[in-house]
Amino acid sequence: MIKKKKACVIYIKAMKDVAQDVKQKLEATDYNVCLTETSIDLATAAQLGAESVTSEIDACLADADAKVFLIPAGDTPSSLLGAAKQASKSPGRLIAICEKDAKLPQVFDEMANSVIPVGSQKVVEAVVQDDIWEGLNGTKRPPRTPERVKCQ
């Protein structure tokens, strides 16, 4: 039996409909999808340096081939940032799906494989295989030049 790939989708309550839409699209491509809602109230745990924001997020991230974060407009809640930092430490694709007027956190600029806007037609491609960087209006983002450690 072939093992299905696993995708973890982490979001805040205001983006539940977007999370359901992403889940449907990924399940249609034979992904097992774990939806995990995080609360803005969990920000305190992340600010206190908790290794893991919640056991529910840990379970969702465990062995995930793709980690999808839904980034709301404005400042990103620190509960999402804590989970993103944790996710960036393990193998697998890291994807940000942003609402219009969202501020892309540094962890995604440095570590994400793909950043796309809510409503993009390229959700599956961004999660499954391609590195896609779209602007919030669907246009291609300018080339990135993240700092990378050079081997000596």
Protein backbone atom coordinates (compact mmCIF):
# COMPACT_ATOMS: atom_id res chain seq x y z
CA MET A 1 0.00 0.00 0.00
CA ILE A 2 1.31 3.43 -0.95
CA LYS A 3 1.52 5.88 1.93
CA LYS A 4 -0.32 9.15 1.29
CA LYS A 5 1.60 12.35 1.82
CA LYS A 6 0.60 14.50 4.78
CA ALA A 7 -0.09 18.23 4.75
CA CYS A 8 -0.53 20.30 7.90
CA VAL A 9 -2.59 23.50 7.53
CA ILE A 10 -2.32 25.98 10.41
CA TYR A 11 -4.66 28.95 10.57
CA ILE A 12 -6.53 31.34 12.86
CA LYS A 13 -10.32 31.23 13.24
CA ALA A 14 -10.92 34.13 10.84
CA MET A 15 -9.40 32.04 8.01
CA LYS A 16 -11.36 28.83 8.59
CA ASP A 17 -13.12 28.99 5.19
CA VAL A 18 -9.78 29.38 3.40
CA ALA A 19 -8.40 26.41 5.38
CA GLN A 20 -11.36 24.25 4.30
CA ASP A 21 -10.81 25.25 0.65
CA VAL A 22 -7.09 24.38 0.82
CA LYS A 23 -7.95 21.06 2.49
CA GLN A 24 -10.39 20.12 -0.30
CA LYS A 25 -7.87 20.92 -3.02
CA LEU A 26 -5.10 18.91 -1.37
CA GLU A 27 -7.32 15.92 -0.57
CA ALA A 28 -8.23 15.79 -4.27
CA THR A 29 -4.51 15.12 -4.93
CA ASP A 30 -4.37 12.24 -2.41
CA TYR A 31 -2.94 14.17 0.53
CA ASN A 32 -3.98 13.47 4.10
CA VAL A 33 -4.69 16.94 5.47
CA CYS A 34 -4.57 17.95 9.11
CA LEU A 35 -6.28 21.27 9.90
CA THR A 36 -5.14 22.97 13.10
CA GLU A 37 -6.68 26.20 14.30
CA THR A 38 -4.45 28.27 16.52
CA SER A 39 -5.67 30.93 18.86
CA ILE A 40 -4.25 34.40 19.16
CA ASP A 41 -4.35 33.70 22.93
CA LEU A 42 -1.57 31.15 22.44
CA ALA A 43 0.75 34.04 21.67
CA THR A 44 1.75 34.17 25.32
CA ALA A 45 3.21 30.67 25.14
CA ALA A 46 5.24 31.53 22.07
CA GLN A 47 6.50 34.77 23.60
CA LEU A 48 7.62 32.90 26.70
CA GLY A 49 9.79 30.74 24.50
CA ALA A 50 7.76 27.56 24.68
CA GLU A 51 9.41 24.91 22.52
CA SER A 52 6.07 23.77 21.27
CA VAL A 53 3.01 25.97 21.06
CA THR A 54 0.49 23.15 21.58
CA SER A 55 0.47 19.39 21.37
CA GLU A 56 -2.19 19.67 18.65
CA ILE A 57 0.16 21.72 16.48
CA ASP A 58 3.01 19.31 17.26
CA ALA A 59 0.88 16.36 16.16
CA CYS A 60 -0.14 18.11 12.95
CA LEU A 61 3.44 19.07 12.08
CA ALA A 62 4.87 15.64 12.89
CA ASP A 63 6.02 13.92 9.71
CA ALA A 64 4.21 16.45 7.50
CA ASP A 65 5.49 16.57 3.94
CA ALA A 66 4.02 20.06 3.59
CA LYS A 67 3.35 22.71 6.22
CA VAL A 68 0.88 25.34 5.06
CA PHE A 69 0.35 28.54 7.04
CA LEU A 70 -2.55 30.88 6.37
CA ILE A 71 -1.33 34.41 7.05
CA PRO A 72 -4.04 36.97 7.90
CA ALA A 73 -4.04 40.64 6.90
CA GLY A 74 -1.99 42.94 9.09
CA ASP A 75 0.49 41.68 11.64
CA THR A 76 0.87 37.91 11.94
CA PRO A 77 -0.25 36.54 15.31
CA SER A 78 2.71 35.27 17.29
CA SER A 79 0.98 31.91 17.74
CA LEU A 80 1.40 31.37 13.98
CA LEU A 81 4.98 32.63 14.11
CA GLY A 82 5.88 30.18 16.88
CA ALA A 83 4.47 27.28 14.91
CA ALA A 84 6.21 28.46 11.71
CA LYS A 85 9.58 28.66 13.45
CA GLN A 86 9.04 25.15 14.77
CA ALA A 87 7.98 23.88 11.33
CA SER A 88 11.02 25.40 9.64
CA LYS A 89 13.31 23.18 11.74
CA SER A 90 12.03 19.95 10.21
CA PRO A 91 12.08 18.58 6.66
CA GLY A 92 9.20 19.22 4.31
CA ARG A 93 7.87 22.09 2.24
CA LEU A 94 6.92 25.33 3.97
CA ILE A 95 4.17 27.34 2.28
CA ALA A 96 2.53 30.67 3.21
CA ILE A 97 -0.88 31.59 1.82
CA CYS A 98 -1.44 35.29 2.54
CA GLU A 99 -4.46 37.53 2.66
CA LYS A 100 -4.27 40.90 0.96
CA ASP A 101 -2.39 43.39 3.16
CA ALA A 102 -0.67 40.62 5.12
CA LYS A 103 2.85 41.37 6.30
CA LEU A 104 5.06 38.42 5.37
CA PRO A 105 7.01 37.37 8.48
CA GLN A 106 10.76 36.97 8.14
CA VAL A 107 10.66 33.22 8.81
CA PHE A 108 8.68 32.76 5.59
CA ASP A 109 10.85 35.12 3.58
CA GLU A 110 13.89 33.12 4.64
CA MET A 111 12.57 29.56 4.73
CA ALA A 112 9.38 29.20 2.65
CA ASN A 113 9.33 27.20 -0.55
CA SER A 114 6.27 29.07 -1.79
CA VAL A 115 4.30 32.21 -0.94
CA ILE A 116 0.97 32.73 -2.68
CA PRO A 117 -2.10 34.90 -2.12
CA VAL A 118 -5.46 33.62 -0.90
CA GLY A 119 -7.44 32.62 -3.99
CA SER A 120 -4.41 31.66 -6.07
CA GLN A 121 -5.04 29.00 -8.69
CA LYS A 122 -1.62 27.50 -7.87
CA VAL A 123 -2.32 26.15 -4.37
CA VAL A 124 -1.73 22.51 -5.27
CA GLU A 125 1.40 23.25 -7.30
CA ALA A 126 2.84 25.40 -4.49
CA VAL A 127 2.28 22.67 -1.93
CA VAL A 128 3.14 19.62 -3.99
CA GLN A 129 6.17 20.54 -6.06
CA ASP A 130 6.86 24.03 -7.38
CA ASP A 131 8.52 26.95 -5.65
CA ILE A 132 6.05 29.73 -6.41
CA TRP A 133 6.37 33.32 -5.22
CA GLU A 134 3.30 35.35 -6.19
CA GLY A 135 2.46 38.87 -5.11
CA LEU A 136 -0.77 39.39 -3.22
CA ASN A 137 -2.46 40.47 -6.45
CA GLY A 138 -1.37 37.28 -8.27
CA THR A 139 1.64 38.81 -10.03
CA LYS A 140 5.10 37.34 -9.76
CA ARG A 141 7.09 38.70 -6.80
CA PRO A 142 10.46 40.30 -7.46
CA PRO A 143 13.46 37.95 -7.15
CA ARG A 144 14.46 37.17 -3.57
CA THR A 145 17.98 37.33 -2.28
CA PRO A 146 17.82 35.72 1.16
CA GLU A 147 21.04 35.49 3.10
CA ARG A 148 22.45 31.99 2.92
CA VAL A 149 25.33 30.47 4.80
CA LYS A 150 28.15 29.71 2.38
CA CYS A 151 30.10 26.50 2.72
CA GLN A 152 33.79 26.99 3.24
